[in-house]
Amino acid sequence: MAVFAGNFTRSGDTCHAGSATVRAMSNGATDTVTETLTATDLSGRVSGWWILPISAVLWWAVGFLPWILHEIFQVLGVEPSSLEEIDAFTPIPVAAEDAVASLVTMSVIGGVLAGAGARLARHRGGGAVAAVCGTAFALAAAGAGAWWQVNAAAGADDAKADALLAVAVVGTLLGLVLGLLAALAPAPVRAAAFALPVVLADGWLWGLLPGHSAVPQGTWWIFAVALGIALGLGVDRNPLQMLGWLPAAGLVWVLQAAGPVLEAVSGYFAPGAPPLSIPVVLDAAWEPLRRTTFSADEHDLGGWVVGLLLGVAVAGLRLTRGIEEDDEEEFDELRAFAPR
């Protein structure tokens, strides 16, 4: 007699037990008919409590890994730096060169990873709440530490630490929402949620190398790979889900202006700059956004072609896997009626 953990709900002669659907046999035994969790069994998932530290680590230690490595490179002498720069390490780069672009890139990527960590939980709702709480705790600790250090060293009137911390908070919240959608939403929504990480991925990757900051650079082959994987993950078992690629591709096209926009507004957040004015910042961002969105010259069409072809390949693999799993489920149904 098979024993299944979890609550049972009865429908006719079929019972649903956590991750498996069970059919009652005439002799009182049960047999598995279909597997509702195809990617991983519940036994491979973790308690929602584990998502708290996991999301915190993903947000800071992985999302801000380029910044952490940058500081390590300075200590090791791989990057030239002064003792003052080494001693001025902050948990997040609120006083670094290209601080706005780096903060947006790393906070969004970290938030996406932290939100996606909710998929590891046995119960998705609890995992989502734990991911939000863990990320909020890490943001509060790192942000407060960085704010205090910068203001203590440079003075609150000159450092723009408040504005840069606000950038980190907004980027983290945006990334967290996108990560939760990527982990828990239907496939077409998942593809659209990956749009901004696709655009920022090359900046994060370049930031891992000595002498580079985490600033979006529009590297076509990194963009092509990221786009292909994102679109491919937007398909589960139904080819019609590829229609969700249309809004996802539209978002990616517009968001490719992220690099020029961040470059255009960075000067307004620099230490010693005049007081921030939101209308002025938005006006500075509009021109590169308009130019990039409505001009094909600002987009590498070769990267788009490669990305779409890779997306078709990844989606085909996922669809093939779905067909194989459906065949296994059909075999299980036939086996359920085999003589014992």
C-alpha atoms as a PDB file:
ATOM      1  CA  MET A   1       0.000   0.000   0.000  1.00  0.00           C
ATOM      2  CA  ALA A   2       1.442   3.355  -1.036  1.00  0.00           C
ATOM      3  CA  VAL A   3       1.603   6.135   1.526  1.00  0.00           C
ATOM      4  CA  PHE A   4       1.546   9.762   0.401  1.00  0.00           C
ATOM      5  CA  ALA A   5       2.263  12.838   2.500  1.00  0.00           C
ATOM      6  CA  GLY A   6      -0.116  15.763   2.247  1.00  0.00           C
ATOM      7  CA  ASN A   7      -3.852  16.320   2.311  1.00  0.00           C
ATOM      8  CA  PHE A   8      -6.148  14.215   0.153  1.00  0.00           C
ATOM      9  CA  THR A   9      -9.228  15.529  -1.664  1.00  0.00           C
ATOM     10  CA  ARG A  10     -11.513  12.943  -3.194  1.00  0.00           C
ATOM     11  CA  SER A  11     -13.160  13.298  -6.609  1.00  0.00           C
ATOM     12  CA  GLY A  12     -14.979  10.159  -7.763  1.00  0.00           C
ATOM     13  CA  ASP A  13     -12.454   7.366  -7.459  1.00  0.00           C
ATOM     14  CA  THR A  14      -9.446   9.679  -7.830  1.00  0.00           C
ATOM     15  CA  CYS A  15      -7.527  11.317  -4.987  1.00  0.00           C
ATOM     16  CA  HIS A  16      -5.051  14.200  -5.276  1.00  0.00           C
ATOM     17  CA  ALA A  17      -2.131  13.977  -2.863  1.00  0.00           C
ATOM     18  CA  GLY A  18       0.230  16.930  -2.919  1.00  0.00           C
ATOM     19  CA  SER A  19       2.304  16.304  -6.030  1.00  0.00           C
ATOM     20  CA  ALA A  20       0.635  13.146  -7.333  1.00  0.00           C
ATOM     21  CA  THR A  21      -2.794  12.129  -8.555  1.00  0.00           C
ATOM     22  CA  VAL A  22      -3.791   8.742  -7.185  1.00  0.00           C
ATOM     23  CA  ARG A  23      -6.473   6.325  -8.451  1.00  0.00           C
ATOM     24  CA  ALA A  24      -8.167   3.972  -6.000  1.00  0.00           C
ATOM     25  CA  MET A  25      -8.022   0.326  -7.111  1.00  0.00           C
ATOM     26  CA  SER A  26     -10.692  -2.292  -6.574  1.00  0.00           C
ATOM     27  CA  ASN A  27      -8.584  -4.073  -3.992  1.00  0.00           C
ATOM     28  CA  GLY A  28      -8.143  -0.891  -1.947  1.00  0.00           C
ATOM     29  CA  ALA A  29      -4.637  -0.136  -3.238  1.00  0.00           C
ATOM     30  CA  THR A  30      -3.667   3.060  -4.976  1.00  0.00           C
ATOM     31  CA  ASP A  31      -1.637   3.746  -8.067  1.00  0.00           C
ATOM     32  CA  THR A  32      -0.092   6.934  -9.405  1.00  0.00           C
ATOM     33  CA  VAL A  33      -1.790   8.171 -12.556  1.00  0.00           C
ATOM     34  CA  THR A  34      -0.376  11.611 -13.305  1.00  0.00           C
ATOM     35  CA  GLU A  35       2.400  13.744 -11.903  1.00  0.00           C
ATOM     36  CA  THR A  36       1.307  17.357 -11.451  1.00  0.00           C
ATOM     37  CA  LEU A  37       4.799  18.593 -10.611  1.00  0.00           C
ATOM     38  CA  THR A  38       6.884  17.756 -13.627  1.00  0.00           C
ATOM     39  CA  ALA A  39      10.012  19.831 -12.956  1.00  0.00           C
ATOM     40  CA  THR A  40      10.734  18.595  -9.469  1.00  0.00           C
ATOM     41  CA  ASP A  41       8.934  16.581  -6.827  1.00  0.00           C
ATOM     42  CA  LEU A  42       7.787  18.132  -3.565  1.00  0.00           C
ATOM     43  CA  SER A  43      10.466  16.138  -1.781  1.00  0.00           C
ATOM     44  CA  GLY A  44      13.060  18.167  -3.705  1.00  0.00           C
ATOM     45  CA  ARG A  45      11.625  21.477  -2.531  1.00  0.00           C
ATOM     46  CA  VAL A  46      12.386  23.311   0.692  1.00  0.00           C
ATOM     47  CA  SER A  47      10.428  24.833   3.515  1.00  0.00           C
ATOM     48  CA  GLY A  48       9.370  28.436   3.090  1.00  0.00           C
ATOM     49  CA  TRP A  49      11.606  29.352   6.022  1.00  0.00           C
ATOM     50  CA  TRP A  50      14.668  28.472   3.951  1.00  0.00           C
ATOM     51  CA  ILE A  51      13.593  30.978   1.303  1.00  0.00           C
ATOM     52  CA  LEU A  52      14.278  33.821   3.756  1.00  0.00           C
ATOM     53  CA  PRO A  53      18.089  33.391   3.816  1.00  0.00           C
ATOM     54  CA  ILE A  54      18.178  32.108   0.234  1.00  0.00           C
ATOM     55  CA  SER A  55      16.488  35.241  -1.127  1.00  0.00           C
ATOM     56  CA  ALA A  56      18.735  37.505   0.946  1.00  0.00           C
ATOM     57  CA  VAL A  57      21.865  35.789  -0.344  1.00  0.00           C
ATOM     58  CA  LEU A  58      20.618  35.817  -3.934  1.00  0.00           C
ATOM     59  CA  TRP A  59      19.840  39.530  -3.768  1.00  0.00           C
ATOM     60  CA  TRP A  60      23.136  40.697  -2.315  1.00  0.00           C
ATOM     61  CA  ALA A  61      25.827  38.028  -2.745  1.00  0.00           C
ATOM     62  CA  VAL A  62      24.758  37.168  -6.308  1.00  0.00           C
ATOM     63  CA  GLY A  63      23.012  40.310  -7.523  1.00  0.00           C
ATOM     64  CA  PHE A  64      25.816  42.582  -6.306  1.00  0.00           C
ATOM     65  CA  LEU A  65      28.581  40.112  -7.097  1.00  0.00           C
ATOM     66  CA  PRO A  66      30.204  42.483  -9.642  1.00  0.00           C
ATOM     67  CA  TRP A  67      30.530  45.135  -6.920  1.00  0.00           C
ATOM     68  CA  ILE A  68      31.862  42.637  -4.375  1.00  0.00           C
ATOM     69  CA  LEU A  69      34.439  41.356  -6.877  1.00  0.00           C
ATOM     70  CA  HIS A  70      35.377  44.941  -7.729  1.00  0.00           C
ATOM     71  CA  GLU A  71      36.254  45.567  -4.095  1.00  0.00           C
ATOM     72  CA  ILE A  72      38.144  42.256  -3.860  1.00  0.00           C
ATOM     73  CA  PHE A  73      40.131  43.146  -6.990  1.00  0.00           C
ATOM     74  CA  GLN A  74      41.130  46.434  -5.374  1.00  0.00           C
ATOM     75  CA  VAL A  75      42.307  44.735  -2.182  1.00  0.00           C
ATOM     76  CA  LEU A  76      44.303  42.169  -4.187  1.00  0.00           C
ATOM     77  CA  GLY A  77      45.834  44.859  -6.364  1.00  0.00           C
ATOM     78  CA  VAL A  78      44.248  43.577  -9.573  1.00  0.00           C
ATOM     79  CA  GLU A  79      42.650  47.008 -10.000  1.00  0.00           C
ATOM     80  CA  PRO A  80      44.636  50.142  -9.114  1.00  0.00           C
ATOM     81  CA  SER A  81      43.212  51.884  -6.059  1.00  0.00           C
ATOM     82  CA  SER A  82      44.206  54.004  -3.100  1.00  0.00           C
ATOM     83  CA  LEU A  83      43.969  53.065   0.555  1.00  0.00           C
ATOM     84  CA  GLU A  84      41.089  55.524   0.897  1.00  0.00           C
ATOM     85  CA  GLU A  85      39.119  53.701  -1.801  1.00  0.00           C
ATOM     86  CA  ILE A  86      39.789  50.323  -0.197  1.00  0.00           C
ATOM     87  CA  ASP A  87      38.733  51.583   3.231  1.00  0.00           C
ATOM     88  CA  ALA A  88      35.583  53.178   1.761  1.00  0.00           C
ATOM     89  CA  PHE A  89      33.907  49.862   0.859  1.00  0.00           C
ATOM     90  CA  THR A  90      30.112  50.043   1.075  1.00  0.00           C
ATOM     91  CA  PRO A  91      27.714  47.066   0.822  1.00  0.00           C
ATOM     92  CA  ILE A  92      26.114  48.573  -2.293  1.00  0.00           C
ATOM     93  CA  PRO A  93      27.763  51.059  -4.684  1.00  0.00           C
ATOM     94  CA  VAL A  94      26.114  54.329  -3.643  1.00  0.00           C
ATOM     95  CA  ALA A  95      29.417  56.212  -3.968  1.00  0.00           C
ATOM     96  CA  ALA A  96      30.976  54.470  -6.956  1.00  0.00           C
ATOM     97  CA  GLU A  97      31.543  55.708 -10.479  1.00  0.00           C
ATOM     98  CA  ASP A  98      28.498  55.026 -12.663  1.00  0.00           C
ATOM     99  CA  ALA A  99      26.577  54.464  -9.421  1.00  0.00           C
ATOM    100  CA  VAL A 100      23.114  54.902 -10.968  1.00  0.00           C
ATOM    101  CA  ALA A 101      23.591  52.406 -13.805  1.00  0.00           C
ATOM    102  CA  SER A 102      25.390  49.937 -11.536  1.00  0.00           C
ATOM    103  CA  LEU A 103      22.721  50.176  -8.847  1.00  0.00           C
ATOM    104  CA  VAL A 104      19.905  49.658 -11.332  1.00  0.00           C
ATOM    105  CA  THR A 105      21.644  46.723 -13.005  1.00  0.00           C
ATOM    106  CA  MET A 106      22.624  44.861  -9.861  1.00  0.00           C
ATOM    107  CA  SER A 107      19.536  45.621  -7.771  1.00  0.00           C
ATOM    108  CA  VAL A 108      17.186  44.505 -10.545  1.00  0.00           C
ATOM    109  CA  ILE A 109      19.162  41.334 -11.274  1.00  0.00           C
ATOM    110  CA  GLY A 110      19.375  40.578  -7.555  1.00  0.00           C
ATOM    111  CA  GLY A 111      15.663  41.188  -7.093  1.00  0.00           C
ATOM    112  CA  VAL A 112      14.805  38.898 -10.002  1.00  0.00           C
ATOM    113  CA  LEU A 113      16.947  36.102  -8.567  1.00  0.00           C
ATOM    114  CA  ALA A 114      15.489  36.581  -5.079  1.00  0.00           C
ATOM    115  CA  GLY A 115      11.927  36.533  -6.381  1.00  0.00           C
ATOM    116  CA  ALA A 116      12.567  33.499  -8.562  1.00  0.00           C
ATOM    117  CA  GLY A 117      13.812  31.703  -5.442  1.00  0.00           C
ATOM    118  CA  ALA A 118      10.170  31.428  -4.344  1.00  0.00           C
ATOM    119  CA  ARG A 119       9.836  28.581  -6.830  1.00  0.00           C
ATOM    120  CA  LEU A 120      12.020  26.430  -4.567  1.00  0.00           C
ATOM    121  CA  ALA A 121       9.408  26.436  -1.804  1.00  0.00           C
ATOM    122  CA  ARG A 122       6.901  23.639  -1.290  1.00  0.00           C
ATOM    123  CA  HIS A 123       4.093  26.181  -1.054  1.00  0.00           C
ATOM    124  CA  ARG A 124       4.411  28.971  -3.597  1.00  0.00           C
ATOM    125  CA  GLY A 125       2.420  31.521  -1.603  1.00  0.00           C
ATOM    126  CA  GLY A 126       4.587  31.049   1.456  1.00  0.00           C
ATOM    127  CA  GLY A 127       7.690  31.059  -0.708  1.00  0.00           C
ATOM    128  CA  ALA A 128       6.667  34.388  -2.260  1.00  0.00           C
ATOM    129  CA  VAL A 129       6.112  35.985   1.161  1.00  0.00           C
ATOM    130  CA  ALA A 130       9.435  34.617   2.412  1.00  0.00           C
ATOM    131  CA  ALA A 131      11.245  35.916  -0.690  1.00  0.00           C
ATOM    132  CA  VAL A 132       9.830  39.403  -0.146  1.00  0.00           C
ATOM    133  CA  CYS A 133      10.751  39.395   3.551  1.00  0.00           C
ATOM    134  CA  GLY A 134      14.262  38.019   2.976  1.00  0.00           C
ATOM    135  CA  THR A 135      14.974  40.559   0.237  1.00  0.00           C
ATOM    136  CA  ALA A 136      13.586  43.414   2.348  1.00  0.00           C
ATOM    137  CA  PHE A 137      15.833  42.414   5.254  1.00  0.00           C
ATOM    138  CA  ALA A 138      18.937  42.284   3.025  1.00  0.00           C
ATOM    139  CA  LEU A 139      18.046  45.615   1.400  1.00  0.00           C
ATOM    140  CA  ALA A 140      17.500  47.275   4.766  1.00  0.00           C
ATOM    141  CA  ALA A 141      20.810  45.995   6.157  1.00  0.00           C
ATOM    142  CA  ALA A 142      22.937  46.766   3.076  1.00  0.00           C
ATOM    143  CA  GLY A 143      21.194  50.031   2.263  1.00  0.00           C
ATOM    144  CA  ALA A 144      21.367  51.391   5.805  1.00  0.00           C
ATOM    145  CA  GLY A 145      25.049  50.465   6.072  1.00  0.00           C
ATOM    146  CA  ALA A 146      25.923  52.132   2.774  1.00  0.00           C
ATOM    147  CA  TRP A 147      23.857  55.251   3.553  1.00  0.00           C
ATOM    148  CA  TRP A 148      25.504  55.698   6.939  1.00  0.00           C
ATOM    149  CA  GLN A 149      29.030  55.256   5.581  1.00  0.00           C
ATOM    150  CA  VAL A 150      28.580  57.691   2.705  1.00  0.00           C
ATOM    151  CA  ASN A 151      26.896  60.373   4.786  1.00  0.00           C
ATOM    152  CA  ALA A 152      29.434  60.045   7.583  1.00  0.00           C
ATOM    153  CA  ALA A 153      32.301  60.473   5.118  1.00  0.00           C
ATOM    154  CA  ALA A 154      31.021  63.019   2.622  1.00  0.00           C
ATOM    155  CA  GLY A 155      28.124  64.771   4.317  1.00  0.00           C
ATOM    156  CA  ALA A 156      24.434  64.417   3.589  1.00  0.00           C
ATOM    157  CA  ASP A 157      24.252  67.605   1.528  1.00  0.00           C
ATOM    158  CA  ASP A 158      26.852  66.540  -1.003  1.00  0.00           C
ATOM    159  CA  ALA A 159      26.802  62.760  -1.376  1.00  0.00           C
ATOM    160  CA  LYS A 160      23.311  62.232  -2.917  1.00  0.00           C
ATOM    161  CA  ALA A 161      23.126  59.050  -0.828  1.00  0.00           C
ATOM    162  CA  ASP A 162      19.379  59.471  -0.261  1.00  0.00           C
ATOM    163  CA  ALA A 163      18.620  59.593  -3.985  1.00  0.00           C
ATOM    164  CA  LEU A 164      20.938  56.691  -4.816  1.00  0.00           C
ATOM    165  CA  LEU A 165      19.469  54.597  -2.031  1.00  0.00           C
ATOM    166  CA  ALA A 166      16.023  55.322  -3.463  1.00  0.00           C
ATOM    167  CA  VAL A 167      17.289  54.069  -6.846  1.00  0.00           C
ATOM    168  CA  ALA A 168      18.422  50.828  -5.198  1.00  0.00           C
ATOM    169  CA  VAL A 169      15.066  50.399  -3.445  1.00  0.00           C
ATOM    170  CA  VAL A 170      13.038  50.976  -6.622  1.00  0.00           C
ATOM    171  CA  GLY A 171      15.304  48.680  -8.647  1.00  0.00           C
ATOM    172  CA  THR A 172      15.055  45.945  -6.028  1.00  0.00           C
ATOM    173  CA  LEU A 173      11.257  46.151  -5.799  1.00  0.00           C
ATOM    174  CA  LEU A 174      10.944  46.098  -9.578  1.00  0.00           C
ATOM    175  CA  GLY A 175      13.283  43.115  -9.868  1.00  0.00           C
ATOM    176  CA  LEU A 176      11.492  41.303  -7.042  1.00  0.00           C
ATOM    177  CA  VAL A 177       8.122  41.654  -8.793  1.00  0.00           C
ATOM    178  CA  LEU A 178       9.635  40.441 -12.067  1.00  0.00           C
ATOM    179  CA  GLY A 179      11.272  37.487 -10.304  1.00  0.00           C
ATOM    180  CA  LEU A 180       8.009  36.443  -8.642  1.00  0.00           C
ATOM    181  CA  LEU A 181       6.219  36.658 -11.993  1.00  0.00           C
ATOM    182  CA  ALA A 182       8.965  34.624 -13.655  1.00  0.00           C
ATOM    183  CA  ALA A 183       8.673  31.968 -10.926  1.00  0.00           C
ATOM    184  CA  LEU A 184       4.925  31.768 -10.381  1.00  0.00           C
ATOM    185  CA  ALA A 185       3.077  33.317 -13.338  1.00  0.00           C
ATOM    186  CA  PRO A 186       1.877  31.540 -16.511  1.00  0.00           C
ATOM    187  CA  ALA A 187       4.354  31.065 -19.325  1.00  0.00           C
ATOM    188  CA  PRO A 188       3.477  34.120 -21.495  1.00  0.00           C
ATOM    189  CA  VAL A 189       3.736  36.427 -18.475  1.00  0.00           C
ATOM    190  CA  ARG A 190       7.014  34.748 -17.572  1.00  0.00           C
ATOM    191  CA  ALA A 191       8.499  35.655 -20.954  1.00  0.00           C
ATOM    192  CA  ALA A 192       7.534  39.321 -20.517  1.00  0.00           C
ATOM    193  CA  ALA A 193       8.937  39.365 -16.963  1.00  0.00           C
ATOM    194  CA  PHE A 194      12.354  38.409 -18.322  1.00  0.00           C
ATOM    195  CA  ALA A 195      12.496  41.452 -20.654  1.00  0.00           C
ATOM    196  CA  LEU A 196      14.358  43.838 -18.347  1.00  0.00           C
ATOM    197  CA  PRO A 197      16.850  41.214 -17.058  1.00  0.00           C
ATOM    198  CA  VAL A 198      17.634  40.374 -20.700  1.00  0.00           C
ATOM    199  CA  VAL A 199      18.620  43.989 -21.341  1.00  0.00           C
ATOM    200  CA  LEU A 200      20.668  44.328 -18.143  1.00  0.00           C
ATOM    201  CA  ALA A 201      22.375  40.914 -18.328  1.00  0.00           C
ATOM    202  CA  ASP A 202      25.399  42.037 -20.328  1.00  0.00           C
ATOM    203  CA  GLY A 203      26.173  44.867 -17.906  1.00  0.00           C
ATOM    204  CA  TRP A 204      26.067  42.454 -14.965  1.00  0.00           C
ATOM    205  CA  LEU A 205      28.339  39.962 -16.743  1.00  0.00           C
ATOM    206  CA  TRP A 206      30.877  42.592 -17.847  1.00  0.00           C
ATOM    207  CA  GLY A 207      30.934  43.846 -14.263  1.00  0.00           C
ATOM    208  CA  LEU A 208      32.449  40.533 -13.178  1.00  0.00           C
ATOM    209  CA  LEU A 209      35.684  41.371 -15.004  1.00  0.00           C
ATOM    210  CA  PRO A 210      38.423  43.608 -13.551  1.00  0.00           C
ATOM    211  CA  GLY A 211      38.250  47.185 -14.711  1.00  0.00           C
ATOM    212  CA  HIS A 212      34.604  47.046 -15.794  1.00  0.00           C
ATOM    213  CA  SER A 213      31.569  48.487 -14.042  1.00  0.00           C
ATOM    214  CA  ALA A 214      28.117  46.891 -14.165  1.00  0.00           C
ATOM    215  CA  VAL A 215      26.750  49.177 -16.866  1.00  0.00           C
ATOM    216  CA  PRO A 216      24.591  47.931 -19.796  1.00  0.00           C
ATOM    217  CA  GLN A 217      26.743  47.965 -22.935  1.00  0.00           C
ATOM    218  CA  GLY A 218      24.523  46.302 -25.532  1.00  0.00           C
ATOM    219  CA  THR A 219      26.821  43.344 -26.243  1.00  0.00           C
ATOM    220  CA  TRP A 220      24.968  41.649 -29.051  1.00  0.00           C
ATOM    221  CA  TRP A 221      25.874  38.008 -28.382  1.00  0.00           C
ATOM    222  CA  ILE A 222      25.090  38.220 -24.663  1.00  0.00           C
ATOM    223  CA  PHE A 223      21.807  39.879 -25.591  1.00  0.00           C
ATOM    224  CA  ALA A 224      21.066  37.145 -28.159  1.00  0.00           C
ATOM    225  CA  VAL A 225      21.692  34.319 -25.677  1.00  0.00           C
ATOM    226  CA  ALA A 226      19.680  36.015 -22.910  1.00  0.00           C
ATOM    227  CA  LEU A 227      16.796  36.769 -25.279  1.00  0.00           C
ATOM    228  CA  GLY A 228      16.712  33.214 -26.612  1.00  0.00           C
ATOM    229  CA  ILE A 229      16.683  31.654 -23.149  1.00  0.00           C
ATOM    230  CA  ALA A 230      14.007  34.082 -21.911  1.00  0.00           C
ATOM    231  CA  LEU A 231      11.715  33.404 -24.857  1.00  0.00           C
ATOM    232  CA  GLY A 232      12.293  29.660 -24.629  1.00  0.00           C
ATOM    233  CA  LEU A 233      11.350  29.631 -20.948  1.00  0.00           C
ATOM    234  CA  GLY A 234       8.112  31.379 -21.898  1.00  0.00           C
ATOM    235  CA  VAL A 235       6.796  28.108 -23.325  1.00  0.00           C
ATOM    236  CA  ASP A 236       5.721  25.107 -21.269  1.00  0.00           C
ATOM    237  CA  ARG A 237       3.705  22.475 -23.160  1.00  0.00           C
ATOM    238  CA  ASN A 238       1.570  24.419 -25.616  1.00  0.00           C
ATOM    239  CA  PRO A 239       3.058  25.856 -28.842  1.00  0.00           C
ATOM    240  CA  LEU A 240       0.391  28.599 -28.756  1.00  0.00           C
ATOM    241  CA  GLN A 241       2.241  30.038 -25.774  1.00  0.00           C
ATOM    242  CA  MET A 242       4.771  31.340 -28.285  1.00  0.00           C
ATOM    243  CA  LEU A 243       2.235  34.099 -29.008  1.00  0.00           C
ATOM    244  CA  GLY A 244       3.363  35.519 -25.676  1.00  0.00           C
ATOM    245  CA  TRP A 245       6.660  36.293 -27.373  1.00  0.00           C
ATOM    246  CA  LEU A 246       5.067  39.293 -29.107  1.00  0.00           C
ATOM    247  CA  PRO A 247       4.566  41.473 -25.989  1.00  0.00           C
ATOM    248  CA  ALA A 248       7.826  40.158 -24.523  1.00  0.00           C
ATOM    249  CA  ALA A 249       9.774  41.142 -27.656  1.00  0.00           C
ATOM    250  CA  GLY A 250       8.072  44.542 -27.674  1.00  0.00           C
ATOM    251  CA  LEU A 251       9.139  45.162 -24.097  1.00  0.00           C
ATOM    252  CA  VAL A 252      12.713  44.106 -24.836  1.00  0.00           C
ATOM    253  CA  TRP A 253      12.815  46.423 -27.859  1.00  0.00           C
ATOM    254  CA  VAL A 254      11.763  49.436 -25.763  1.00  0.00           C
ATOM    255  CA  LEU A 255      13.884  48.512 -22.750  1.00  0.00           C
ATOM    256  CA  GLN A 256      17.021  48.345 -24.857  1.00  0.00           C
ATOM    257  CA  ALA A 257      17.073  52.091 -24.270  1.00  0.00           C
ATOM    258  CA  ALA A 258      17.996  51.384 -20.623  1.00  0.00           C
ATOM    259  CA  GLY A 259      21.719  51.908 -21.204  1.00  0.00           C
ATOM    260  CA  PRO A 260      21.441  55.312 -22.943  1.00  0.00           C
ATOM    261  CA  VAL A 261      18.773  56.464 -20.472  1.00  0.00           C
ATOM    262  CA  LEU A 262      20.877  55.566 -17.435  1.00  0.00           C
ATOM    263  CA  GLU A 263      23.888  57.284 -18.960  1.00  0.00           C
ATOM    264  CA  ALA A 264      21.846  60.415 -19.630  1.00  0.00           C
ATOM    265  CA  VAL A 265      20.545  60.761 -16.060  1.00  0.00           C
ATOM    266  CA  SER A 266      23.664  59.670 -14.160  1.00  0.00           C
ATOM    267  CA  GLY A 267      25.057  63.198 -13.918  1.00  0.00           C
ATOM    268  CA  TYR A 268      22.064  64.391 -11.935  1.00  0.00           C
ATOM    269  CA  PHE A 269      22.904  61.894  -9.164  1.00  0.00           C
ATOM    270  CA  ALA A 270      26.621  62.688  -8.969  1.00  0.00           C
ATOM    271  CA  PRO A 271      28.022  64.069  -5.699  1.00  0.00           C
ATOM    272  CA  GLY A 272      27.917  67.841  -5.707  1.00  0.00           C
ATOM    273  CA  ALA A 273      25.306  68.082  -8.469  1.00  0.00           C
ATOM    274  CA  PRO A 274      22.420  70.564  -8.050  1.00  0.00           C
ATOM    275  CA  PRO A 275      19.353  69.368  -6.123  1.00  0.00           C
ATOM    276  CA  LEU A 276      17.419  66.714  -7.988  1.00  0.00           C
ATOM    277  CA  SER A 277      14.366  67.723  -9.985  1.00  0.00           C
ATOM    278  CA  ILE A 278      12.198  64.837 -11.181  1.00  0.00           C
ATOM    279  CA  PRO A 279      10.837  66.713 -14.242  1.00  0.00           C
ATOM    280  CA  VAL A 280      14.385  67.576 -15.330  1.00  0.00           C
ATOM    281  CA  VAL A 281      15.535  63.952 -14.923  1.00  0.00           C
ATOM    282  CA  LEU A 282      12.531  62.641 -16.864  1.00  0.00           C
ATOM    283  CA  ASP A 283      13.143  65.174 -19.620  1.00  0.00           C
ATOM    284  CA  ALA A 284      16.773  64.041 -19.893  1.00  0.00           C
ATOM    285  CA  ALA A 285      15.663  60.397 -20.090  1.00  0.00           C
ATOM    286  CA  TRP A 286      13.019  60.960 -22.760  1.00  0.00           C
ATOM    287  CA  GLU A 287      15.328  61.805 -25.669  1.00  0.00           C
ATOM    288  CA  PRO A 288      17.484  58.611 -25.550  1.00  0.00           C
ATOM    289  CA  LEU A 289      14.328  56.560 -24.927  1.00  0.00           C
ATOM    290  CA  ARG A 290      12.606  58.043 -27.991  1.00  0.00           C
ATOM    291  CA  ARG A 291      15.697  57.771 -30.175  1.00  0.00           C
ATOM    292  CA  THR A 292      16.385  54.144 -29.270  1.00  0.00           C
ATOM    293  CA  THR A 293      12.781  52.950 -29.472  1.00  0.00           C
ATOM    294  CA  PHE A 294      11.926  54.444 -32.845  1.00  0.00           C
ATOM    295  CA  SER A 295      15.199  53.793 -34.639  1.00  0.00           C
ATOM    296  CA  ALA A 296      16.213  50.353 -35.892  1.00  0.00           C
ATOM    297  CA  ASP A 297      19.798  51.626 -36.119  1.00  0.00           C
ATOM    298  CA  GLU A 298      19.968  51.536 -32.315  1.00  0.00           C
ATOM    299  CA  HIS A 299      19.227  47.786 -32.283  1.00  0.00           C
ATOM    300  CA  ASP A 300      21.505  44.998 -33.475  1.00  0.00           C
ATOM    301  CA  LEU A 301      19.169  43.072 -35.761  1.00  0.00           C
ATOM    302  CA  GLY A 302      21.650  40.190 -35.962  1.00  0.00           C
ATOM    303  CA  GLY A 303      21.304  39.704 -32.221  1.00  0.00           C
ATOM    304  CA  TRP A 304      17.533  39.625 -32.594  1.00  0.00           C
ATOM    305  CA  VAL A 305      17.706  36.954 -35.298  1.00  0.00           C
ATOM    306  CA  VAL A 306      20.052  34.754 -33.272  1.00  0.00           C
ATOM    307  CA  GLY A 307      17.950  35.279 -30.135  1.00  0.00           C
ATOM    308  CA  LEU A 308      14.719  34.284 -31.857  1.00  0.00           C
ATOM    309  CA  LEU A 309      16.309  31.174 -33.385  1.00  0.00           C
ATOM    310  CA  LEU A 310      17.713  30.173 -30.004  1.00  0.00           C
ATOM    311  CA  GLY A 311      14.303  30.806 -28.449  1.00  0.00           C
ATOM    312  CA  VAL A 312      12.701  28.425 -30.945  1.00  0.00           C
ATOM    313  CA  ALA A 313      15.317  25.791 -30.099  1.00  0.00           C
ATOM    314  CA  VAL A 314      14.823  26.127 -26.330  1.00  0.00           C
ATOM    315  CA  ALA A 315      11.038  26.128 -26.708  1.00  0.00           C
ATOM    316  CA  GLY A 316      11.242  23.040 -28.933  1.00  0.00           C
ATOM    317  CA  LEU A 317      13.220  21.185 -26.271  1.00  0.00           C
ATOM    318  CA  ARG A 318      10.682  22.137 -23.616  1.00  0.00           C
ATOM    319  CA  LEU A 319       7.763  21.114 -25.814  1.00  0.00           C
ATOM    320  CA  THR A 320       9.448  17.786 -26.586  1.00  0.00           C
ATOM    321  CA  ARG A 321       9.957  17.159 -22.901  1.00  0.00           C
ATOM    322  CA  GLY A 322       6.299  17.946 -22.278  1.00  0.00           C
ATOM    323  CA  ILE A 323       5.220  15.409 -24.921  1.00  0.00           C
ATOM    324  CA  GLU A 324       7.461  12.736 -23.391  1.00  0.00           C
ATOM    325  CA  GLU A 325       5.980  13.381 -19.957  1.00  0.00           C
ATOM    326  CA  ASP A 326       2.468  13.173 -21.369  1.00  0.00           C
ATOM    327  CA  ASP A 327       3.364   9.799 -22.899  1.00  0.00           C
ATOM    328  CA  GLU A 328       4.652   8.581 -19.535  1.00  0.00           C
ATOM    329  CA  GLU A 329       1.426   9.712 -17.860  1.00  0.00           C
ATOM    330  CA  GLU A 330      -0.629   7.843 -20.476  1.00  0.00           C
ATOM    331  CA  PHE A 331       1.473   4.733 -19.817  1.00  0.00           C
ATOM    332  CA  ASP A 332       0.811   5.121 -16.091  1.00  0.00           C
ATOM    333  CA  GLU A 333      -2.928   5.268 -16.756  1.00  0.00           C
ATOM    334  CA  LEU A 334      -2.787   2.049 -18.745  1.00  0.00           C
ATOM    335  CA  ARG A 335      -0.644   0.396 -16.086  1.00  0.00           C
ATOM    336  CA  ALA A 336      -3.230   1.302 -13.475  1.00  0.00           C
ATOM    337  CA  PHE A 337      -5.654  -1.152 -15.085  1.00  0.00           C
ATOM    338  CA  ALA A 338      -3.113  -3.940 -15.527  1.00  0.00           C
ATOM    339  CA  PRO A 339      -3.785  -7.139 -13.529  1.00  0.00           C
ATOM    340  CA  ARG A 340      -1.958  -7.383 -10.237  1.00  0.00           C
END
